N, C-alpha and C. Protein backbone atom coordinates (compact mmCIF):
# COMPACT_ATOMS: atom_id res chain seq x y z
N MET A 1 4.72 -9.31 4.94
CA MET A 1 5.55 -8.22 5.61
C MET A 1 6.62 -7.89 4.46
N ILE A 2 7.06 -6.43 4.57
CA ILE A 2 7.74 -5.86 3.66
C ILE A 2 9.30 -6.39 3.89
N ALA A 3 9.93 -6.65 2.96
CA ALA A 3 11.42 -7.10 3.29
C ALA A 3 12.34 -6.03 3.43
N THR A 4 12.12 -4.78 3.83
CA THR A 4 12.99 -3.81 4.02
C THR A 4 12.88 -3.22 5.44
N SER A 5 13.86 -2.33 5.88
CA SER A 5 13.96 -1.75 7.10
C SER A 5 13.69 -0.28 6.93
N PRO A 6 13.20 0.47 7.83
CA PRO A 6 12.51 -0.03 9.14
C PRO A 6 11.29 -0.70 8.58
N SER A 7 10.67 -1.33 9.82
CA SER A 7 9.63 -2.18 9.70
C SER A 7 8.37 -1.51 9.07
N ALA A 8 7.48 -2.16 8.37
CA ALA A 8 6.26 -1.71 7.76
C ALA A 8 5.36 -0.82 8.67
N GLN A 9 5.45 -1.34 9.97
CA GLN A 9 4.57 -0.67 10.98
C GLN A 9 5.00 0.73 11.29
N GLN A 10 6.34 1.03 11.00
CA GLN A 10 6.84 2.36 11.39
C GLN A 10 6.78 3.39 10.18
N GLN A 11 6.33 2.94 8.94
CA GLN A 11 6.27 3.66 7.92
C GLN A 11 4.88 3.85 7.51
N LYS A 12 4.57 5.15 6.86
CA LYS A 12 3.24 5.55 6.28
C LYS A 12 3.45 5.22 4.73
N TRP A 13 2.79 4.37 4.27
CA TRP A 13 2.82 3.88 2.82
C TRP A 13 1.68 4.55 2.08
N ASP A 14 1.99 5.12 0.86
CA ASP A 14 1.30 5.60 0.04
C ASP A 14 1.05 4.61 -1.14
N THR A 15 0.00 4.59 -1.83
CA THR A 15 -0.11 3.52 -2.94
C THR A 15 -0.65 4.18 -4.23
N LEU A 16 -0.26 3.77 -5.24
CA LEU A 16 -0.49 4.29 -6.66
C LEU A 16 -0.81 3.08 -7.51
N SER A 17 -1.80 3.05 -8.33
CA SER A 17 -2.10 1.98 -9.28
C SER A 17 -2.47 2.76 -10.64
N PHE A 18 -2.05 2.02 -11.66
CA PHE A 18 -2.16 2.55 -12.95
C PHE A 18 -2.32 1.40 -14.09
N VAL A 19 -2.80 1.67 -15.16
CA VAL A 19 -2.80 0.58 -16.19
C VAL A 19 -1.54 0.47 -16.86
N SER A 20 -1.21 -0.63 -17.39
CA SER A 20 0.06 -0.83 -17.95
C SER A 20 0.24 0.14 -19.23
N THR A 21 1.36 0.91 -19.06
CA THR A 21 1.61 1.94 -20.05
C THR A 21 3.22 2.21 -19.98
N LEU A 22 3.77 2.76 -21.01
CA LEU A 22 5.05 3.33 -20.94
C LEU A 22 5.07 4.75 -20.75
N TYR A 23 3.97 5.46 -20.66
CA TYR A 23 3.94 6.85 -20.42
C TYR A 23 4.01 6.95 -18.98
N LEU A 24 5.24 7.21 -18.49
CA LEU A 24 5.47 6.97 -16.89
C LEU A 24 5.62 8.42 -16.23
N HIS A 25 5.89 9.54 -17.13
CA HIS A 25 6.31 10.87 -16.53
C HIS A 25 5.40 11.14 -15.26
N PRO A 26 4.12 11.19 -15.31
CA PRO A 26 3.48 11.52 -14.19
C PRO A 26 3.51 10.66 -13.00
N VAL A 27 3.68 9.41 -13.23
CA VAL A 27 3.90 8.31 -12.29
C VAL A 27 5.12 8.56 -11.63
N LEU A 28 6.15 8.78 -12.39
CA LEU A 28 7.56 8.98 -11.79
C LEU A 28 7.56 10.17 -10.88
N ASP A 29 7.00 11.34 -11.36
CA ASP A 29 6.92 12.54 -10.64
C ASP A 29 6.30 12.38 -9.18
N LEU A 30 5.29 11.52 -9.12
CA LEU A 30 4.68 11.26 -7.79
C LEU A 30 5.54 10.37 -6.89
N LEU A 31 6.17 9.40 -7.51
CA LEU A 31 7.13 8.59 -6.83
C LEU A 31 8.36 9.08 -6.28
N LEU A 32 8.78 10.31 -6.92
CA LEU A 32 10.04 11.00 -6.69
C LEU A 32 9.77 12.08 -5.60
N LYS A 33 8.55 12.32 -5.10
CA LYS A 33 8.32 13.44 -4.19
C LYS A 33 9.22 13.55 -3.01
N ASP A 34 9.65 12.43 -2.48
CA ASP A 34 10.36 12.49 -1.14
C ASP A 34 11.80 12.12 -1.54
N VAL A 35 12.31 12.10 -2.77
CA VAL A 35 13.62 11.88 -2.98
C VAL A 35 14.42 13.29 -3.13
N PRO A 36 15.56 13.33 -2.28
CA PRO A 36 16.20 14.53 -2.43
C PRO A 36 16.73 14.97 -3.65
N VAL A 37 16.86 16.18 -3.97
CA VAL A 37 17.18 16.64 -5.37
C VAL A 37 18.51 16.03 -5.96
N PRO A 38 19.58 15.95 -5.14
CA PRO A 38 20.81 15.36 -5.70
C PRO A 38 20.63 13.95 -6.25
N TRP A 39 19.67 13.15 -5.58
CA TRP A 39 19.43 11.73 -5.94
C TRP A 39 18.35 11.59 -7.05
N ARG A 40 17.62 12.52 -7.32
CA ARG A 40 16.35 12.34 -8.13
C ARG A 40 16.73 11.90 -9.53
N ALA A 41 17.65 12.19 -10.07
CA ALA A 41 17.96 11.64 -11.54
C ALA A 41 18.22 10.26 -11.54
N GLU A 42 19.04 9.84 -10.59
CA GLU A 42 19.61 8.43 -10.35
C GLU A 42 18.42 7.61 -10.09
N VAL A 43 17.51 8.01 -9.04
CA VAL A 43 16.38 7.10 -8.60
C VAL A 43 15.22 7.23 -9.65
N ARG A 44 15.17 8.27 -10.53
CA ARG A 44 14.24 8.22 -11.55
C ARG A 44 14.53 7.28 -12.56
N LEU A 45 15.75 7.03 -12.89
CA LEU A 45 16.21 6.02 -13.93
C LEU A 45 15.92 4.72 -13.49
N GLY A 46 16.30 4.44 -12.16
CA GLY A 46 15.94 3.08 -11.63
C GLY A 46 14.64 2.85 -11.48
N LEU A 47 13.70 3.65 -11.01
CA LEU A 47 12.26 3.43 -10.93
C LEU A 47 11.63 3.35 -12.37
N GLN A 48 12.16 3.96 -13.39
CA GLN A 48 11.67 3.96 -14.69
C GLN A 48 12.09 2.53 -15.23
N GLU A 49 13.18 2.13 -14.92
CA GLU A 49 13.33 0.75 -15.58
C GLU A 49 12.57 -0.28 -14.81
N ALA A 50 12.35 -0.25 -13.56
CA ALA A 50 11.43 -1.11 -12.87
C ALA A 50 10.00 -1.10 -13.20
N LEU A 51 9.43 0.13 -13.71
CA LEU A 51 8.25 0.16 -14.10
C LEU A 51 8.05 -0.25 -15.54
N VAL A 52 9.05 0.04 -16.40
CA VAL A 52 8.98 -0.41 -17.76
C VAL A 52 8.95 -1.97 -17.78
N ASN A 53 9.78 -2.42 -16.90
CA ASN A 53 9.89 -3.92 -16.82
C ASN A 53 8.41 -4.59 -16.39
N ALA A 54 7.90 -3.96 -15.42
CA ALA A 54 6.57 -4.31 -15.03
C ALA A 54 5.51 -4.25 -16.06
N ALA A 55 5.58 -3.08 -16.78
CA ALA A 55 4.54 -2.98 -17.67
C ALA A 55 4.70 -3.81 -18.96
N LYS A 56 6.02 -3.79 -19.54
CA LYS A 56 6.27 -4.38 -20.74
C LYS A 56 6.59 -5.93 -20.61
N HIS A 57 7.22 -6.38 -19.69
CA HIS A 57 7.69 -7.82 -19.67
C HIS A 57 6.68 -8.51 -18.53
N GLY A 58 6.27 -7.86 -17.55
CA GLY A 58 5.25 -8.44 -16.50
C GLY A 58 3.87 -8.57 -17.13
N ASN A 59 3.41 -7.36 -17.49
CA ASN A 59 1.97 -7.27 -18.05
C ASN A 59 1.82 -7.30 -19.53
N ASP A 60 2.90 -7.34 -20.34
CA ASP A 60 2.76 -7.41 -21.71
C ASP A 60 2.08 -6.28 -22.25
N LEU A 61 2.21 -5.11 -21.60
CA LEU A 61 1.59 -3.89 -22.01
C LEU A 61 0.03 -3.96 -22.16
N ASP A 62 -0.63 -5.08 -21.50
CA ASP A 62 -1.99 -5.19 -21.43
C ASP A 62 -2.78 -4.16 -20.86
N PRO A 63 -3.52 -3.28 -21.41
CA PRO A 63 -4.13 -2.19 -20.76
C PRO A 63 -5.25 -2.65 -19.80
N CYS A 64 -5.55 -3.96 -19.84
CA CYS A 64 -6.61 -4.59 -18.77
C CYS A 64 -5.73 -4.98 -17.42
N LYS A 65 -4.41 -4.88 -17.50
CA LYS A 65 -3.77 -5.29 -16.30
C LYS A 65 -3.12 -3.94 -15.77
N CYS A 66 -3.12 -4.03 -14.32
CA CYS A 66 -2.47 -2.82 -13.68
C CYS A 66 -1.16 -3.03 -12.98
N ILE A 67 -0.53 -2.08 -12.72
CA ILE A 67 0.67 -1.95 -11.84
C ILE A 67 0.45 -1.13 -10.66
N SER A 68 0.73 -1.72 -9.47
CA SER A 68 0.55 -0.95 -8.20
C SER A 68 1.93 -0.81 -7.62
N VAL A 69 2.07 0.42 -7.08
CA VAL A 69 3.26 0.88 -6.31
C VAL A 69 2.99 1.43 -5.00
N LYS A 70 3.54 0.69 -3.99
CA LYS A 70 3.42 1.17 -2.67
C LYS A 70 4.88 1.84 -2.44
N TYR A 71 4.80 3.01 -1.70
CA TYR A 71 5.92 3.73 -1.53
C TYR A 71 5.97 4.46 -0.12
N ALA A 72 7.10 4.51 0.42
CA ALA A 72 7.21 5.20 1.89
C ALA A 72 8.63 5.81 1.99
N ALA A 73 8.64 6.78 2.78
CA ALA A 73 10.01 7.34 3.28
C ALA A 73 9.96 7.38 4.75
N SER A 74 11.18 6.88 5.30
CA SER A 74 11.29 6.87 6.71
C SER A 74 12.83 7.41 7.05
N GLY A 75 12.82 8.67 7.28
CA GLY A 75 14.09 9.32 7.59
C GLY A 75 14.93 9.35 6.21
N PRO A 76 16.13 8.70 6.17
CA PRO A 76 16.86 8.78 4.88
C PRO A 76 16.61 7.48 4.12
N GLN A 77 15.72 6.65 4.54
CA GLN A 77 15.35 5.45 3.85
C GLN A 77 14.05 5.66 3.02
N LEU A 78 14.22 5.36 1.65
CA LEU A 78 13.13 5.38 0.66
C LEU A 78 12.77 4.00 0.31
N CYS A 79 11.48 3.58 0.19
CA CYS A 79 11.19 2.26 -0.24
C CYS A 79 10.03 2.21 -1.17
N TRP A 80 10.02 1.24 -2.26
CA TRP A 80 9.03 1.03 -3.20
C TRP A 80 8.80 -0.25 -3.41
N VAL A 81 7.52 -0.68 -3.41
CA VAL A 81 7.12 -2.01 -3.73
C VAL A 81 6.33 -2.05 -4.93
N ILE A 82 6.85 -2.63 -6.10
CA ILE A 82 6.10 -2.54 -7.53
C ILE A 82 5.55 -3.98 -7.71
N VAL A 83 4.25 -3.97 -7.94
CA VAL A 83 3.56 -5.32 -8.22
C VAL A 83 2.96 -5.25 -9.62
N ASP A 84 3.09 -6.24 -10.29
CA ASP A 84 2.50 -6.43 -11.72
C ASP A 84 1.56 -7.60 -11.73
N GLN A 85 0.76 -7.80 -12.69
CA GLN A 85 -0.22 -8.80 -12.71
C GLN A 85 0.27 -9.99 -13.83
N GLY A 86 1.53 -9.94 -14.01
CA GLY A 86 2.06 -10.81 -15.09
C GLY A 86 2.25 -12.30 -14.44
N SER A 87 2.82 -13.14 -15.33
CA SER A 87 3.01 -14.43 -14.79
C SER A 87 4.24 -14.84 -14.13
N GLY A 88 5.02 -13.85 -13.76
CA GLY A 88 6.16 -14.04 -13.00
C GLY A 88 7.52 -13.83 -13.80
N PHE A 89 8.54 -14.04 -12.93
CA PHE A 89 9.86 -13.62 -13.77
C PHE A 89 10.88 -14.71 -13.32
N ASN A 90 11.52 -15.42 -14.27
CA ASN A 90 12.65 -16.26 -13.88
C ASN A 90 13.92 -15.45 -14.10
N TYR A 91 14.58 -15.56 -13.11
CA TYR A 91 15.96 -14.79 -13.18
C TYR A 91 16.95 -15.42 -14.07
N PRO A 92 17.40 -14.53 -15.04
CA PRO A 92 18.25 -15.28 -15.93
C PRO A 92 19.76 -15.58 -15.58
N CYS A 93 20.01 -14.91 -14.27
CA CYS A 93 21.33 -15.22 -13.90
C CYS A 93 21.16 -15.20 -12.39
N GLY A 94 22.32 -15.01 -11.59
CA GLY A 94 22.10 -14.83 -10.01
C GLY A 94 21.88 -13.52 -9.54
N CYS A 95 21.17 -12.68 -10.36
CA CYS A 95 20.93 -11.24 -10.01
C CYS A 95 19.66 -11.38 -9.04
N GLY A 96 18.80 -12.35 -9.07
CA GLY A 96 17.83 -12.16 -8.12
C GLY A 96 18.08 -12.08 -6.75
N ASP A 97 19.07 -12.59 -6.30
CA ASP A 97 19.56 -12.47 -4.96
C ASP A 97 20.93 -12.02 -4.82
N ALA A 98 21.48 -11.54 -5.84
CA ALA A 98 22.87 -10.89 -5.80
C ALA A 98 23.05 -9.53 -5.30
N ASP A 99 24.17 -9.34 -4.67
CA ASP A 99 24.47 -7.78 -4.63
C ASP A 99 24.83 -7.25 -5.75
N GLU A 100 25.12 -5.93 -5.81
CA GLU A 100 25.42 -5.26 -7.16
C GLU A 100 26.70 -5.67 -7.79
N SER A 101 27.67 -5.97 -6.85
CA SER A 101 29.03 -6.62 -7.46
C SER A 101 28.90 -7.88 -8.05
N GLU A 102 28.12 -8.60 -7.51
CA GLU A 102 27.82 -9.94 -8.28
C GLU A 102 27.11 -9.57 -9.54
N CYS A 103 25.92 -8.96 -9.54
CA CYS A 103 25.08 -8.74 -10.83
C CYS A 103 26.01 -8.02 -11.86
N ALA A 104 27.00 -7.06 -11.30
CA ALA A 104 27.84 -6.35 -12.32
C ALA A 104 28.45 -7.20 -13.42
N GLY A 105 28.90 -8.51 -12.95
CA GLY A 105 29.62 -9.37 -13.81
C GLY A 105 28.68 -10.07 -14.63
N HIS A 106 27.47 -9.98 -14.52
CA HIS A 106 26.51 -10.73 -15.39
C HIS A 106 25.52 -9.63 -16.15
N SER A 107 26.01 -8.42 -16.35
CA SER A 107 25.25 -7.39 -17.06
C SER A 107 24.62 -7.75 -18.35
N SER A 108 25.37 -8.34 -19.26
CA SER A 108 24.81 -8.73 -20.56
C SER A 108 23.75 -9.75 -20.41
N GLU A 109 23.79 -10.82 -19.47
CA GLU A 109 22.85 -11.88 -19.27
C GLU A 109 21.56 -11.15 -18.62
N CYS A 110 21.75 -10.32 -17.75
CA CYS A 110 20.51 -9.87 -16.77
C CYS A 110 19.77 -8.75 -17.69
N GLY A 111 20.44 -8.15 -18.55
CA GLY A 111 19.79 -7.02 -19.26
C GLY A 111 20.04 -5.70 -18.53
N ARG A 112 19.88 -4.65 -19.38
CA ARG A 112 20.29 -3.34 -18.77
C ARG A 112 19.48 -2.95 -17.72
N GLY A 113 18.14 -3.25 -17.71
CA GLY A 113 17.25 -2.80 -16.70
C GLY A 113 17.70 -3.35 -15.34
N LEU A 114 17.86 -4.70 -15.37
CA LEU A 114 18.20 -5.21 -14.07
C LEU A 114 19.60 -4.86 -13.58
N TYR A 115 20.55 -4.56 -14.36
CA TYR A 115 21.77 -3.97 -14.04
C TYR A 115 21.65 -2.66 -13.46
N ILE A 116 20.81 -1.80 -13.96
CA ILE A 116 20.48 -0.57 -13.53
C ILE A 116 20.00 -0.69 -12.12
N LEU A 117 18.92 -1.38 -11.86
CA LEU A 117 18.37 -1.64 -10.48
C LEU A 117 19.36 -1.85 -9.38
N TYR A 118 20.33 -2.73 -9.85
CA TYR A 118 21.35 -3.10 -8.78
C TYR A 118 22.49 -2.01 -8.65
N GLN A 119 22.58 -1.05 -9.52
CA GLN A 119 23.39 -0.12 -9.42
C GLN A 119 22.76 1.02 -8.64
N VAL A 120 21.48 1.25 -8.83
CA VAL A 120 20.91 2.39 -8.27
C VAL A 120 20.39 2.31 -6.78
N PHE A 121 19.82 1.14 -6.57
CA PHE A 121 19.21 0.74 -5.32
C PHE A 121 20.12 0.06 -4.27
N ASP A 122 20.07 0.32 -3.03
CA ASP A 122 20.74 -0.45 -2.00
C ASP A 122 20.35 -1.87 -1.74
N GLN A 123 18.98 -1.89 -1.93
CA GLN A 123 18.49 -3.32 -1.66
C GLN A 123 17.38 -3.67 -2.86
N VAL A 124 17.42 -4.64 -3.56
CA VAL A 124 16.60 -5.14 -4.51
C VAL A 124 16.03 -6.54 -4.25
N THR A 125 14.82 -6.71 -3.97
CA THR A 125 14.36 -8.04 -3.63
C THR A 125 13.25 -8.37 -4.49
N TRP A 126 13.23 -9.62 -5.18
CA TRP A 126 12.00 -10.19 -5.74
C TRP A 126 11.32 -11.03 -4.99
N CYS A 127 9.88 -10.85 -4.95
CA CYS A 127 9.04 -11.70 -4.24
C CYS A 127 7.92 -12.21 -5.06
N ASN A 128 7.02 -13.10 -4.55
CA ASN A 128 5.87 -13.61 -5.33
C ASN A 128 6.38 -14.05 -6.66
N GLY A 129 7.18 -14.68 -6.73
CA GLY A 129 7.46 -15.45 -8.18
C GLY A 129 8.00 -14.40 -9.12
N GLY A 130 8.45 -13.27 -8.67
CA GLY A 130 9.06 -12.21 -9.52
C GLY A 130 8.04 -11.33 -9.99
N ARG A 131 6.74 -11.31 -9.34
CA ARG A 131 5.69 -10.25 -9.63
C ARG A 131 5.74 -9.05 -8.82
N GLU A 132 6.59 -9.24 -7.72
CA GLU A 132 6.60 -8.14 -6.85
C GLU A 132 8.22 -7.73 -6.55
N LEU A 133 8.45 -6.60 -6.67
CA LEU A 133 9.84 -5.97 -6.60
C LEU A 133 9.85 -5.03 -5.56
N HIS A 134 10.77 -5.17 -4.46
CA HIS A 134 11.04 -4.46 -3.44
C HIS A 134 12.39 -3.60 -3.42
N LEU A 135 12.25 -2.32 -3.58
CA LEU A 135 13.52 -1.44 -3.78
C LEU A 135 13.61 -0.55 -2.62
N THR A 136 14.90 -0.39 -2.16
CA THR A 136 15.12 0.52 -1.08
C THR A 136 16.45 1.28 -1.42
N LYS A 137 16.32 2.52 -0.93
CA LYS A 137 17.52 3.51 -1.25
C LYS A 137 17.64 4.51 -0.01
N THR A 138 18.79 4.56 0.28
CA THR A 138 19.22 5.26 1.66
C THR A 138 19.83 6.48 1.13
N VAL A 139 19.36 7.71 1.49
CA VAL A 139 19.82 8.97 0.83
C VAL A 139 20.61 9.75 2.00
N ARG A 140 20.81 9.34 2.96
CA ARG A 140 21.58 9.96 3.98
C ARG A 140 23.01 10.44 3.23
N PRO A 141 23.83 11.09 4.08
CA PRO A 141 25.22 11.54 3.38
C PRO A 141 25.73 10.24 2.69
N PRO A 142 25.93 10.25 1.40
CA PRO A 142 26.21 9.01 0.66
C PRO A 142 27.76 8.65 0.88
N ARG A 143 27.83 7.29 0.65
CA ARG A 143 29.16 6.65 0.65
C ARG A 143 29.76 6.94 -0.66
N ARG A 144 28.88 7.23 -1.58
CA ARG A 144 29.26 7.75 -3.07
C ARG A 144 28.54 8.78 -3.60
N LEU A 145 28.87 9.51 -4.39
CA LEU A 145 28.05 10.46 -4.99
C LEU A 145 27.05 9.92 -6.10
N PRO A 146 26.04 10.48 -6.35
CA PRO A 146 24.98 10.03 -7.29
C PRO A 146 25.68 9.82 -8.61
N LEU A 147 25.18 8.67 -9.27
CA LEU A 147 25.84 8.40 -10.65
C LEU A 147 25.31 9.31 -11.75
N ILE A 148 24.32 10.08 -11.45
CA ILE A 148 23.73 10.96 -12.45
C ILE A 148 23.61 12.25 -11.73
N HIS A 149 23.90 13.42 -12.22
CA HIS A 149 23.72 14.79 -11.73
C HIS A 149 22.68 15.43 -12.56
């Protein structure tokens, strides 16, 4: 079961798989298709960080390993599930279960990529020993403006 709302049964999920690479432009374009224009730059940055982490740190840029992304939009809520074939991820700080305010205090320990994830997405959940990342972003009238215009 996906750890996001609305439930997986209410969403139509699309899936994309690709070999480990840092050439992510076409992948990001597909994953951003349902993101409203004012939020695209910010969400692009967050997804790029997540995919780079999966390719570089998860799969060690091994072209024999794949990354798969499942993504869906349900009203104002956008969800992505990113899965790599690496050995897993040990959280260097409390960021694995922290909200963005808790992670913000540990940005140097967590690394830039993890810090960005917790700033961009409303929900960040690690599963399957760190090989699976669930990201959720709500894009209804924001409680704040996008960080990037």
